[in-house]
Amino acid sequence: MRKIKIETREVNLNADKKRFWLGTLKNINEKIMNRSYPLNPQRFPKAFELNEDLDL
């Protein structure tokens, strides 16, 4: 058995680049909602270029 290693990781709350976000989240503890809309892959191909399942 191995030792359990405790580590802290930073999370980018605004990391989903395949959606258009109407605002930005600053803190995970804030009780706010951020609306978003999906991007069209034909209009924004750079956001989808690493997606192997998408055939443009």
N, C-alpha and C. Protein backbone atom coordinates (compact mmCIF):
# COMPACT_ATOMS: atom_id res chain seq x y z
N MET A 1 0.84 -1.18 0.00
CA MET A 1 0.00 0.00 0.00
C MET A 1 0.88 1.24 0.00
N ARG A 2 0.35 2.26 -0.64
CA ARG A 2 1.08 3.52 -0.69
C ARG A 2 0.52 4.52 0.30
N LYS A 3 1.32 5.51 0.58
CA LYS A 3 0.87 6.61 1.42
C LYS A 3 -0.12 7.47 0.63
N ILE A 4 -1.08 8.02 1.33
CA ILE A 4 -2.00 8.96 0.70
C ILE A 4 -1.33 10.32 0.67
N LYS A 5 -1.28 10.88 -0.53
CA LYS A 5 -0.65 12.18 -0.69
C LYS A 5 -1.73 13.24 -0.85
N ILE A 6 -1.73 14.21 0.02
CA ILE A 6 -2.71 15.30 -0.04
C ILE A 6 -2.10 16.43 -0.85
N GLU A 7 -2.86 16.91 -1.84
CA GLU A 7 -2.38 18.02 -2.64
C GLU A 7 -3.54 18.96 -2.96
N THR A 8 -3.21 20.18 -3.21
CA THR A 8 -4.20 21.18 -3.57
C THR A 8 -4.05 21.50 -5.04
N ARG A 9 -5.15 21.50 -5.75
CA ARG A 9 -5.14 21.82 -7.17
C ARG A 9 -5.98 23.05 -7.43
N GLU A 10 -5.51 23.86 -8.35
CA GLU A 10 -6.30 25.01 -8.74
C GLU A 10 -7.24 24.60 -9.87
N VAL A 11 -8.44 25.10 -9.82
CA VAL A 11 -9.45 24.78 -10.81
C VAL A 11 -9.80 26.05 -11.57
N ASN A 12 -9.77 25.98 -12.90
CA ASN A 12 -10.18 27.12 -13.70
C ASN A 12 -11.69 27.04 -13.88
N LEU A 13 -12.41 27.92 -13.22
CA LEU A 13 -13.87 27.89 -13.27
C LEU A 13 -14.42 28.29 -14.62
N ASN A 14 -13.62 28.93 -15.44
CA ASN A 14 -14.06 29.40 -16.75
C ASN A 14 -13.33 28.65 -17.88
N ALA A 15 -13.05 27.36 -17.67
CA ALA A 15 -12.22 26.60 -18.60
C ALA A 15 -12.96 26.05 -19.81
N ASP A 16 -14.27 25.98 -19.77
CA ASP A 16 -15.02 25.40 -20.88
C ASP A 16 -15.06 26.39 -22.04
N LYS A 17 -14.18 26.21 -23.01
CA LYS A 17 -14.06 27.14 -24.14
C LYS A 17 -15.05 26.81 -25.26
N LYS A 18 -15.84 25.75 -25.11
CA LYS A 18 -16.80 25.38 -26.15
C LYS A 18 -18.17 25.99 -25.88
N ARG A 19 -18.22 26.92 -24.93
CA ARG A 19 -19.46 27.61 -24.60
C ARG A 19 -19.19 29.11 -24.54
N PHE A 20 -20.21 29.90 -24.84
CA PHE A 20 -20.12 31.35 -24.71
C PHE A 20 -20.71 31.71 -23.36
N TRP A 21 -19.86 32.21 -22.47
CA TRP A 21 -20.26 32.55 -21.11
C TRP A 21 -20.63 34.02 -21.04
N LEU A 22 -21.73 34.33 -20.37
CA LEU A 22 -22.18 35.71 -20.24
C LEU A 22 -21.50 36.44 -19.09
N GLY A 23 -20.72 35.75 -18.31
CA GLY A 23 -19.97 36.33 -17.20
C GLY A 23 -18.80 35.43 -16.86
N THR A 24 -18.08 35.76 -15.80
CA THR A 24 -16.99 34.90 -15.34
C THR A 24 -17.20 34.58 -13.87
N LEU A 25 -16.83 33.37 -13.49
CA LEU A 25 -16.90 32.96 -12.10
C LEU A 25 -15.56 33.26 -11.44
N LYS A 26 -15.61 33.81 -10.26
CA LYS A 26 -14.39 34.19 -9.54
C LYS A 26 -14.11 33.26 -8.35
N ASN A 27 -15.16 32.74 -7.73
CA ASN A 27 -15.00 31.96 -6.52
C ASN A 27 -16.01 30.82 -6.53
N ILE A 28 -15.58 29.64 -6.19
CA ILE A 28 -16.47 28.47 -6.19
C ILE A 28 -17.49 28.55 -5.05
N ASN A 29 -17.21 29.33 -4.02
CA ASN A 29 -18.11 29.43 -2.88
C ASN A 29 -19.22 30.45 -3.08
N GLU A 30 -19.14 31.27 -4.12
CA GLU A 30 -20.21 32.23 -4.39
C GLU A 30 -21.43 31.48 -4.89
N LYS A 31 -22.57 31.90 -4.45
CA LYS A 31 -23.83 31.25 -4.84
C LYS A 31 -24.45 31.99 -6.01
N ILE A 32 -23.72 32.06 -7.14
CA ILE A 32 -24.24 32.74 -8.32
C ILE A 32 -24.32 31.76 -9.48
N MET A 33 -25.20 32.08 -10.42
CA MET A 33 -25.35 31.25 -11.61
C MET A 33 -24.79 32.02 -12.81
N ASN A 34 -24.11 31.33 -13.68
CA ASN A 34 -23.54 31.95 -14.87
C ASN A 34 -24.15 31.28 -16.09
N ARG A 35 -24.89 32.03 -16.87
CA ARG A 35 -25.53 31.47 -18.07
C ARG A 35 -24.51 31.31 -19.19
N SER A 36 -24.72 30.27 -19.99
CA SER A 36 -23.83 30.04 -21.13
C SER A 36 -24.63 29.44 -22.27
N TYR A 37 -24.07 29.56 -23.46
CA TYR A 37 -24.68 29.00 -24.66
C TYR A 37 -23.62 28.21 -25.42
N PRO A 38 -24.01 27.10 -26.05
CA PRO A 38 -23.03 26.32 -26.81
C PRO A 38 -22.56 27.07 -28.05
N LEU A 39 -21.30 26.89 -28.39
CA LEU A 39 -20.75 27.49 -29.61
C LEU A 39 -21.01 26.57 -30.80
N ASN A 40 -21.18 27.15 -31.96
CA ASN A 40 -21.36 26.39 -33.20
C ASN A 40 -19.98 25.96 -33.70
N PRO A 41 -19.74 24.65 -33.88
CA PRO A 41 -18.42 24.19 -34.32
C PRO A 41 -18.00 24.71 -35.70
N GLN A 42 -18.96 24.98 -36.58
CA GLN A 42 -18.60 25.49 -37.90
C GLN A 42 -18.14 26.95 -37.84
N ARG A 43 -18.66 27.71 -36.88
CA ARG A 43 -18.28 29.12 -36.77
C ARG A 43 -17.05 29.32 -35.89
N PHE A 44 -16.80 28.38 -34.96
CA PHE A 44 -15.68 28.49 -34.02
C PHE A 44 -14.86 27.20 -34.04
N PRO A 45 -14.24 26.85 -35.17
CA PRO A 45 -13.53 25.56 -35.26
C PRO A 45 -12.32 25.45 -34.34
N LYS A 46 -11.68 26.57 -33.97
CA LYS A 46 -10.51 26.51 -33.08
C LYS A 46 -10.86 25.93 -31.73
N ALA A 47 -12.06 26.22 -31.22
CA ALA A 47 -12.48 25.71 -29.91
C ALA A 47 -12.68 24.20 -29.93
N PHE A 48 -12.89 23.62 -31.12
CA PHE A 48 -13.20 22.20 -31.23
C PHE A 48 -12.08 21.40 -31.89
N GLU A 49 -10.93 22.01 -32.16
CA GLU A 49 -9.90 21.33 -32.94
C GLU A 49 -9.31 20.10 -32.25
N LEU A 50 -9.37 19.99 -30.95
CA LEU A 50 -8.82 18.83 -30.24
C LEU A 50 -9.87 17.73 -30.04
N ASN A 51 -11.10 17.95 -30.48
CA ASN A 51 -12.16 16.97 -30.34
C ASN A 51 -12.09 15.99 -31.50
N GLU A 52 -11.66 14.76 -31.25
CA GLU A 52 -11.48 13.76 -32.30
C GLU A 52 -12.80 13.26 -32.87
N ASP A 53 -13.90 13.39 -32.09
CA ASP A 53 -15.19 12.88 -32.53
C ASP A 53 -15.88 13.80 -33.54
N LEU A 54 -15.43 15.02 -33.65
CA LEU A 54 -16.09 16.00 -34.50
C LEU A 54 -15.47 15.99 -35.89
N ASP A 55 -16.30 15.86 -36.89
CA ASP A 55 -15.84 15.87 -38.28
C ASP A 55 -16.42 17.10 -38.97
N LEU A 56 -15.59 18.12 -39.15
CA LEU A 56 -16.08 19.37 -39.78
C LEU A 56 -15.95 19.30 -41.27
